[in-house]
N, C-alpha and C. Protein backbone atom coordinates (compact mmCIF):
# COMPACT_ATOMS: atom_id res chain seq x y z
N UNK A 1 58.00 9.01 -40.99
CA UNK A 1 59.29 9.47 -40.77
C UNK A 1 59.47 9.50 -39.36
N UNK A 2 60.78 8.97 -39.32
CA UNK A 2 61.30 9.09 -37.82
C UNK A 2 61.84 10.22 -37.53
N UNK A 3 61.57 10.85 -36.17
CA UNK A 3 61.92 12.07 -35.95
C UNK A 3 62.65 11.87 -34.63
N UNK A 4 63.68 12.51 -33.79
CA UNK A 4 64.58 12.43 -32.62
C UNK A 4 63.73 13.78 -32.08
N UNK A 5 63.66 13.35 -30.63
CA UNK A 5 63.06 14.48 -30.00
C UNK A 5 64.04 14.33 -28.32
N UNK A 6 63.51 15.50 -27.50
CA UNK A 6 63.92 15.42 -26.29
C UNK A 6 62.73 15.93 -25.33
N UNK A 7 62.35 14.85 -24.43
CA UNK A 7 61.28 14.97 -23.55
C UNK A 7 61.74 15.61 -22.50
N UNK A 8 60.92 16.46 -21.49
CA UNK A 8 61.30 17.18 -20.59
C UNK A 8 59.95 17.12 -19.70
N UNK A 9 59.92 16.10 -18.91
CA UNK A 9 58.77 15.57 -17.90
C UNK A 9 58.52 16.73 -16.79
N UNK A 10 57.59 16.55 -16.05
CA UNK A 10 57.41 17.29 -14.91
C UNK A 10 57.16 19.00 -15.33
N UNK A 11 57.17 19.85 -16.63
CA UNK A 11 56.58 20.97 -16.75
C UNK A 11 55.57 21.34 -16.22
N UNK A 12 55.82 22.74 -16.46
CA UNK A 12 54.71 23.34 -15.93
C UNK A 12 53.36 23.46 -16.81
N UNK A 13 53.67 23.41 -18.09
CA UNK A 13 52.76 23.28 -19.12
C UNK A 13 53.31 22.51 -20.44
N UNK A 14 52.24 21.89 -21.24
CA UNK A 14 52.79 21.48 -22.51
C UNK A 14 53.30 22.27 -23.63
N UNK A 15 54.34 22.03 -24.12
CA UNK A 15 55.13 23.10 -24.79
C UNK A 15 55.95 22.31 -25.96
N UNK A 16 56.20 22.89 -27.22
CA UNK A 16 57.16 22.50 -28.36
C UNK A 16 58.05 23.44 -29.05
N UNK A 17 59.44 23.06 -28.59
CA UNK A 17 60.14 24.27 -29.10
C UNK A 17 61.40 23.34 -29.93
N UNK A 18 62.12 24.06 -30.59
CA UNK A 18 63.32 23.91 -31.15
C UNK A 18 64.67 24.25 -30.23
N UNK A 19 65.62 23.25 -29.97
CA UNK A 19 66.69 23.51 -29.22
C UNK A 19 68.21 22.85 -29.74
N UNK A 20 68.62 23.66 -30.44
CA UNK A 20 69.74 22.94 -30.98
C UNK A 20 69.62 21.84 -32.22
N UNK A 21 68.35 22.19 -32.86
CA UNK A 21 68.29 21.37 -33.98
C UNK A 21 66.97 20.18 -33.67
N UNK A 22 67.16 20.15 -32.38
CA UNK A 22 66.16 18.86 -31.99
C UNK A 22 64.91 19.76 -31.39
N UNK A 23 63.57 18.34 -31.50
CA UNK A 23 62.44 19.19 -31.23
C UNK A 23 62.61 18.84 -29.63
N UNK A 24 62.12 19.93 -29.03
CA UNK A 24 61.95 19.95 -27.13
C UNK A 24 60.71 19.86 -26.80
N UNK A 25 60.27 18.85 -26.38
CA UNK A 25 58.72 18.85 -25.71
C UNK A 25 58.32 18.64 -24.16
N UNK A 26 58.18 19.78 -23.82
CA UNK A 26 57.86 20.04 -22.32
C UNK A 26 56.48 18.99 -22.09
N UNK A 27 56.61 18.22 -21.07
CA UNK A 27 55.37 17.52 -20.47
C UNK A 27 55.00 17.81 -19.29
N UNK A 28 53.75 18.07 -18.81
CA UNK A 28 53.23 18.19 -17.70
C UNK A 28 53.29 16.77 -16.75
N UNK A 29 53.22 15.72 -17.43
CA UNK A 29 53.02 14.06 -16.60
C UNK A 29 54.18 13.87 -16.16
N UNK A 30 54.31 12.85 -15.18
CA UNK A 30 55.70 12.80 -14.35
C UNK A 30 56.21 11.56 -15.41
N UNK A 31 57.25 11.36 -15.14
CA UNK A 31 57.75 9.95 -15.78
C UNK A 31 57.72 8.54 -15.48
N UNK A 32 56.20 8.39 -14.98
CA UNK A 32 56.25 7.11 -14.38
C UNK A 32 54.76 6.36 -14.64
N UNK A 33 54.88 5.18 -15.10
CA UNK A 33 53.79 4.31 -15.36
C UNK A 33 53.32 4.76 -16.67
N UNK A 34 54.34 4.94 -17.46
CA UNK A 34 54.26 5.72 -19.05
C UNK A 34 53.26 6.87 -19.18
N UNK A 35 52.82 7.68 -18.25
CA UNK A 35 51.89 8.87 -18.29
C UNK A 35 52.84 9.87 -19.20
N UNK A 36 54.09 10.00 -19.20
CA UNK A 36 54.55 11.22 -19.83
C UNK A 36 54.66 10.85 -21.49
N UNK A 37 54.86 9.32 -21.69
CA UNK A 37 55.22 8.91 -23.02
C UNK A 37 53.72 8.95 -23.54
N UNK A 38 52.59 8.85 -23.12
CA UNK A 38 51.18 8.82 -23.56
C UNK A 38 50.78 10.20 -23.80
N UNK A 39 51.27 11.43 -22.84
CA UNK A 39 51.04 12.57 -22.64
C UNK A 39 51.63 13.16 -24.58
N UNK A 40 53.24 12.49 -24.45
CA UNK A 40 53.87 13.25 -25.64
C UNK A 40 53.30 12.47 -26.73
N UNK A 41 52.83 11.46 -26.97
CA UNK A 41 52.39 10.78 -28.35
C UNK A 41 50.73 11.84 -28.15
N UNK A 42 50.21 11.48 -27.31
CA UNK A 42 48.76 12.28 -27.80
C UNK A 42 48.89 13.68 -27.99
N UNK A 43 49.50 14.16 -27.10
CA UNK A 43 49.99 16.11 -27.65
C UNK A 43 50.40 16.58 -28.68
N UNK A 44 51.47 15.41 -29.44
CA UNK A 44 52.06 15.80 -30.47
C UNK A 44 51.32 15.35 -31.72
N UNK A 45 50.35 14.35 -31.56
CA UNK A 45 49.00 13.87 -32.35
C UNK A 45 48.16 14.82 -32.30
N UNK A 46 47.68 15.48 -31.51
CA UNK A 46 46.56 16.54 -31.58
C UNK A 46 47.37 17.82 -32.56
N UNK A 47 48.61 18.21 -31.85
CA UNK A 47 49.49 19.11 -32.29
C UNK A 47 49.75 19.03 -33.99
N UNK A 48 49.78 17.87 -34.46
CA UNK A 48 50.13 17.66 -36.06
C UNK A 48 49.09 17.65 -36.51
N UNK A 49 48.00 16.86 -36.03
CA UNK A 49 46.92 16.17 -36.63
C UNK A 49 47.37 15.01 -37.35
N UNK A 50 48.30 14.27 -37.10
CA UNK A 50 48.89 13.10 -37.72
C UNK A 50 48.88 11.92 -36.57
N UNK A 51 49.22 10.69 -36.82
CA UNK A 51 49.13 9.83 -36.27
C UNK A 51 50.74 9.66 -35.77
N UNK A 52 50.87 9.60 -34.33
CA UNK A 52 52.51 9.55 -33.77
C UNK A 52 52.24 8.57 -32.88
N UNK A 53 53.85 7.55 -33.46
CA UNK A 53 54.00 6.42 -32.05
C UNK A 53 55.30 6.54 -31.99
N UNK A 54 55.55 6.04 -30.60
CA UNK A 54 56.79 5.94 -29.84
C UNK A 54 57.42 4.77 -30.38
N UNK A 55 58.92 4.55 -31.21
CA UNK A 55 59.45 3.69 -32.06
C UNK A 55 60.76 3.52 -30.55
N UNK A 56 61.23 4.54 -29.57
CA UNK A 56 62.19 3.91 -29.12
C UNK A 56 62.74 5.02 -27.96
N UNK A 57 63.16 4.61 -26.99
CA UNK A 57 63.20 5.89 -25.98
C UNK A 57 62.34 5.70 -24.63
N UNK A 58 61.90 4.45 -24.71
CA UNK A 58 60.36 4.37 -23.77
C UNK A 58 60.61 5.00 -22.09
N UNK A 59 61.92 4.66 -21.83
CA UNK A 59 62.57 5.20 -20.19
C UNK A 59 63.83 6.26 -20.55
N UNK A 60 63.76 6.78 -21.63
CA UNK A 60 64.93 7.73 -21.63
C UNK A 60 64.11 9.14 -22.24
N UNK A 61 64.94 10.36 -22.08
CA UNK A 61 64.26 11.37 -22.14
C UNK A 61 64.75 11.91 -23.74
N UNK A 62 65.62 11.08 -24.04
CA UNK A 62 65.77 11.18 -25.66
C UNK A 62 65.03 10.21 -26.27
N UNK A 63 63.91 10.53 -27.32
CA UNK A 63 62.77 9.48 -27.78
C UNK A 63 62.91 9.50 -29.58
N UNK A 64 62.68 8.31 -30.32
CA UNK A 64 62.44 8.45 -31.29
C UNK A 64 61.01 8.38 -31.65
N UNK A 65 60.37 9.15 -32.57
CA UNK A 65 58.85 9.01 -32.78
C UNK A 65 59.04 8.73 -34.35
N UNK A 66 57.61 8.01 -34.74
CA UNK A 66 57.13 7.88 -36.23
C UNK A 66 55.99 8.72 -36.17
N UNK A 67 56.30 9.82 -37.22
CA UNK A 67 55.25 10.49 -37.53
C UNK A 67 54.65 10.32 -38.87
N UNK A 68 53.18 10.14 -38.97
CA UNK A 68 52.58 10.16 -40.17
C UNK A 68 52.76 11.64 -41.20
N UNK A 69 53.88 11.97 -41.52
CA UNK A 69 54.22 13.15 -42.40
C UNK A 69 54.78 13.08 -42.98
N UNK A 70 55.22 13.72 -44.11
CA UNK A 70 56.20 13.76 -45.35
C UNK A 70 57.22 14.91 -44.80
N UNK A 71 58.67 14.53 -45.28
CA UNK A 71 59.26 15.49 -44.68
C UNK A 71 59.21 16.89 -44.97
N UNK A 72 58.56 17.21 -46.14
CA UNK A 72 58.05 18.91 -46.32
C UNK A 72 57.29 19.33 -45.51
N UNK A 73 56.46 18.18 -45.25
CA UNK A 73 55.48 18.77 -44.11
C UNK A 73 56.27 19.11 -42.90
N UNK A 74 56.97 18.40 -42.75
CA UNK A 74 57.98 18.25 -41.18
C UNK A 74 58.39 19.80 -41.34
N UNK A 75 59.17 19.66 -42.44
CA UNK A 75 60.06 21.25 -42.51
C UNK A 75 58.97 22.25 -42.35
N UNK A 76 57.87 22.07 -42.87
CA UNK A 76 56.88 23.51 -42.86
C UNK A 76 56.62 23.70 -41.09
N UNK A 77 56.47 22.32 -40.70
CA UNK A 77 56.13 22.99 -39.05
C UNK A 77 57.33 22.98 -38.27
N UNK A 78 58.50 22.99 -38.48
CA UNK A 78 59.54 23.17 -37.83
C UNK A 78 59.93 25.17 -38.15
N UNK A 79 59.81 25.25 -39.70
CA UNK A 79 59.96 26.83 -39.86
C UNK A 79 58.73 27.51 -38.91
N UNK A 80 57.45 27.16 -38.66
CA UNK A 80 56.89 27.58 -37.55
C UNK A 80 57.31 27.77 -36.44
N UNK A 81 57.72 26.90 -36.32
CA UNK A 81 58.43 26.70 -34.47
C UNK A 81 59.48 27.77 -34.38
N UNK A 82 60.16 27.88 -35.40
CA UNK A 82 61.28 28.89 -35.65
C UNK A 82 60.79 30.38 -35.56
N UNK A 83 59.70 30.76 -35.73
CA UNK A 83 58.69 32.14 -35.91
C UNK A 83 58.89 32.70 -34.68
């Protein structure tokens, strides 16, 4: 499934939250030489236990990711974030 997220580089720690219905991912890496994108893909993949690929937004804070999971599984993940 394709998911739109907002990436926030140069944060104190890696974290995932919901903001205005969109996933917000804070990244420790700087947005240079693809470091933040690599941290984003690897961090979410580790967190979700699924394959994650960046499909759009290589140089933008707003990104589209392809995540190998169903919409039902994604809804469960989002509900856990809201708790």
